[in-house]
Amino acid sequence: MRLYKNYQKLKENKKSGFTLMELIVVLVILAILAAIMIPSMLGWIDKAREKQIILQARSAYIAAQTVIMEDYAMGEELEEELTDDQILRAEELAKLEGTIESGTIDTDSGGIIDFVYSQGNYKAVYHENEIGLEGRKSKEAAGWSVEKR
């Protein structure tokens, strides 16, 4: 009699587990969800990197504009392009990881009208009074665009 009761308990315990088929179905569902989520998460990461590059490029732009105004205040004549010395001083002032590739100066106003900043695989381009011409247009930062190399 006691053996029969133990057998009944074992039989009851066996029913409370998952079958192999149920486990396979759950794994397939999880794999489908992962296949859907991973590409969208990578898109979010790329957008965040692009925004970061634009923020750093804006800092570099402001630093370059500051260097130009310092030179003008010291009585130096403005050139149409940023000089190597101005670029180095602006990069030092901004303390950023990327590099300033070029900048075009409006000699009448002293403002930078075209500016290119790069870091790693990304390049941020500024065109005054225009939405970016190269790469993806930035909705948050008018005039700036980012391209991935």
Protein backbone atom coordinates (compact mmCIF):
# COMPACT_ATOMS: atom_id res chain seq x y z
CA MET A 1 0.00 0.00 0.00
CA ARG A 2 2.79 2.37 0.89
CA LEU A 3 4.56 1.63 -2.41
CA TYR A 4 1.38 2.48 -4.29
CA LYS A 5 1.11 5.86 -2.52
CA ASN A 6 4.73 6.69 -3.38
CA TYR A 7 4.04 5.78 -6.99
CA GLN A 8 0.99 8.08 -7.05
CA LYS A 9 3.07 10.98 -5.65
CA LEU A 10 5.74 10.44 -8.33
CA LYS A 11 3.07 10.42 -11.00
CA GLU A 12 1.60 13.71 -9.68
CA ASN A 13 5.02 15.38 -9.54
CA LYS A 14 5.78 14.38 -13.10
CA LYS A 15 2.76 16.29 -14.41
CA SER A 16 3.94 19.60 -12.94
CA GLY A 17 7.03 19.91 -15.23
CA PHE A 18 7.33 21.31 -18.78
CA THR A 19 7.42 19.05 -21.80
CA LEU A 20 10.20 19.28 -24.35
CA MET A 21 7.75 20.65 -26.91
CA GLU A 22 6.70 23.50 -24.61
CA LEU A 23 10.34 24.46 -24.01
CA ILE A 24 11.07 24.44 -27.75
CA VAL A 25 8.06 26.68 -28.46
CA VAL A 26 9.20 29.18 -25.80
CA LEU A 27 12.74 29.23 -27.23
CA VAL A 28 11.42 29.81 -30.76
CA ILE A 29 9.28 32.73 -29.54
CA LEU A 30 12.28 34.25 -27.74
CA ALA A 31 14.42 33.87 -30.87
CA ILE A 32 11.79 35.64 -32.98
CA LEU A 33 11.57 38.51 -30.49
CA ALA A 34 15.37 38.83 -30.43
CA ALA A 35 15.48 38.89 -34.25
CA ILE A 36 12.99 41.76 -34.24
CA MET A 37 14.56 43.78 -31.40
CA ILE A 38 18.28 43.63 -32.21
CA PRO A 39 18.16 45.63 -35.50
CA SER A 40 16.00 48.34 -33.94
CA MET A 41 18.32 48.59 -30.94
CA LEU A 42 21.30 48.99 -33.28
CA GLY A 43 19.43 51.84 -34.99
CA TRP A 44 18.98 53.55 -31.63
CA ILE A 45 22.69 53.20 -30.92
CA ASP A 46 23.63 54.74 -34.29
CA LYS A 47 21.27 57.68 -33.74
CA ALA A 48 22.74 58.29 -30.29
CA ARG A 49 26.28 58.27 -31.74
CA GLU A 50 25.26 60.71 -34.46
CA LYS A 51 23.79 63.07 -31.89
CA GLN A 52 26.97 62.80 -29.84
CA ILE A 53 29.09 63.66 -32.89
CA ILE A 54 26.91 66.69 -33.65
CA LEU A 55 27.27 67.91 -30.06
CA GLN A 56 31.05 67.53 -30.22
CA ALA A 57 31.13 69.21 -33.64
CA ARG A 58 29.14 72.14 -32.25
CA SER A 59 31.68 72.48 -29.44
CA ALA A 60 34.52 72.43 -31.98
CA TYR A 61 32.64 74.99 -34.10
CA ILE A 62 32.23 77.34 -31.13
CA ALA A 63 35.91 76.89 -30.21
CA ALA A 64 36.96 77.71 -33.79
CA GLN A 65 34.69 80.75 -33.82
CA THR A 66 36.27 81.88 -30.53
CA VAL A 67 39.79 81.52 -31.97
CA ILE A 68 38.81 83.54 -35.04
CA MET A 69 37.36 86.33 -32.90
CA GLU A 70 40.49 86.37 -30.69
CA ASP A 71 42.67 86.73 -33.78
CA TYR A 72 40.46 89.49 -35.14
CA ALA A 73 40.55 91.31 -31.79
CA MET A 74 44.36 91.16 -31.89
CA GLY A 75 44.30 92.97 -35.24
CA GLU A 76 44.99 90.02 -37.54
CA GLU A 77 43.28 90.01 -40.91
CA LEU A 78 40.77 87.20 -41.48
CA GLU A 79 41.51 84.60 -44.15
CA GLU A 80 38.87 82.68 -46.08
CA GLU A 81 39.89 79.30 -44.60
CA LEU A 82 40.84 78.23 -41.10
CA THR A 83 44.62 78.06 -40.82
CA ASP A 84 46.41 75.05 -39.35
CA ASP A 85 47.31 77.16 -36.31
CA GLN A 86 43.67 78.16 -35.77
CA ILE A 87 42.55 74.54 -36.13
CA LEU A 88 45.11 73.37 -33.56
CA ARG A 89 44.15 76.11 -31.11
CA ALA A 90 40.43 75.36 -31.55
CA GLU A 91 40.96 71.62 -30.99
CA GLU A 92 42.99 72.39 -27.89
CA LEU A 93 40.29 74.76 -26.63
CA ALA A 94 37.45 72.29 -27.29
CA LYS A 95 39.35 69.32 -25.79
CA LEU A 96 37.58 66.79 -27.99
CA GLU A 97 38.56 63.40 -29.36
CA GLY A 98 37.89 64.23 -33.01
CA THR A 99 39.58 66.58 -35.46
CA ILE A 100 38.55 69.69 -37.32
CA GLU A 101 39.09 69.02 -41.01
CA SER A 102 38.25 72.41 -42.48
CA GLY A 103 36.32 75.62 -42.07
CA THR A 104 35.36 78.45 -44.40
CA ILE A 105 35.16 81.96 -42.95
CA ASP A 106 32.99 84.83 -44.14
CA THR A 107 35.58 87.62 -44.08
CA ASP A 108 32.91 90.33 -43.86
CA SER A 109 31.15 89.04 -40.74
CA GLY A 110 33.91 86.86 -39.27
CA GLY A 111 31.53 83.92 -38.98
CA ILE A 112 32.20 80.35 -40.04
CA ILE A 113 29.92 79.40 -42.92
CA ASP A 114 31.17 75.86 -43.66
CA PHE A 115 32.71 73.52 -41.12
CA VAL A 116 33.78 69.86 -41.15
CA TYR A 117 34.51 67.81 -38.01
CA SER A 118 35.35 64.12 -37.92
CA GLN A 119 35.69 61.49 -35.24
CA GLY A 120 36.23 57.81 -35.91
CA ASN A 121 33.84 56.62 -38.61
CA TYR A 122 31.65 59.72 -38.45
CA LYS A 123 31.92 63.11 -40.09
CA ALA A 124 29.75 66.10 -39.15
CA VAL A 125 29.30 68.85 -41.71
CA TYR A 126 27.87 72.33 -41.12
CA HIS A 127 26.53 74.52 -43.93
CA GLU A 128 25.17 77.88 -42.85
CA ASN A 129 21.48 78.47 -43.57
CA GLU A 130 21.05 75.03 -45.12
CA ILE A 131 20.05 71.60 -44.00
CA GLY A 132 23.08 69.31 -44.32
CA LEU A 133 23.97 68.30 -47.85
CA GLU A 134 25.97 65.17 -47.01
CA GLY A 135 24.86 62.15 -45.06
CA ARG A 136 21.79 62.01 -42.86
CA LYS A 137 20.06 65.31 -42.13
CA SER A 138 19.77 66.26 -38.49
CA LYS A 139 16.32 67.41 -37.42
CA GLU A 140 17.55 68.57 -34.01
CA ALA A 141 20.48 70.66 -35.29
CA ALA A 142 19.65 72.75 -38.34
CA GLY A 143 22.57 73.16 -40.70
CA TRP A 144 24.34 70.01 -39.44
CA SER A 145 24.51 66.64 -41.15
CA VAL A 146 26.33 63.44 -40.22
CA GLU A 147 27.72 60.76 -42.46
CA LYS A 148 29.14 57.39 -41.52
CA ARG A 149 32.20 56.34 -43.47
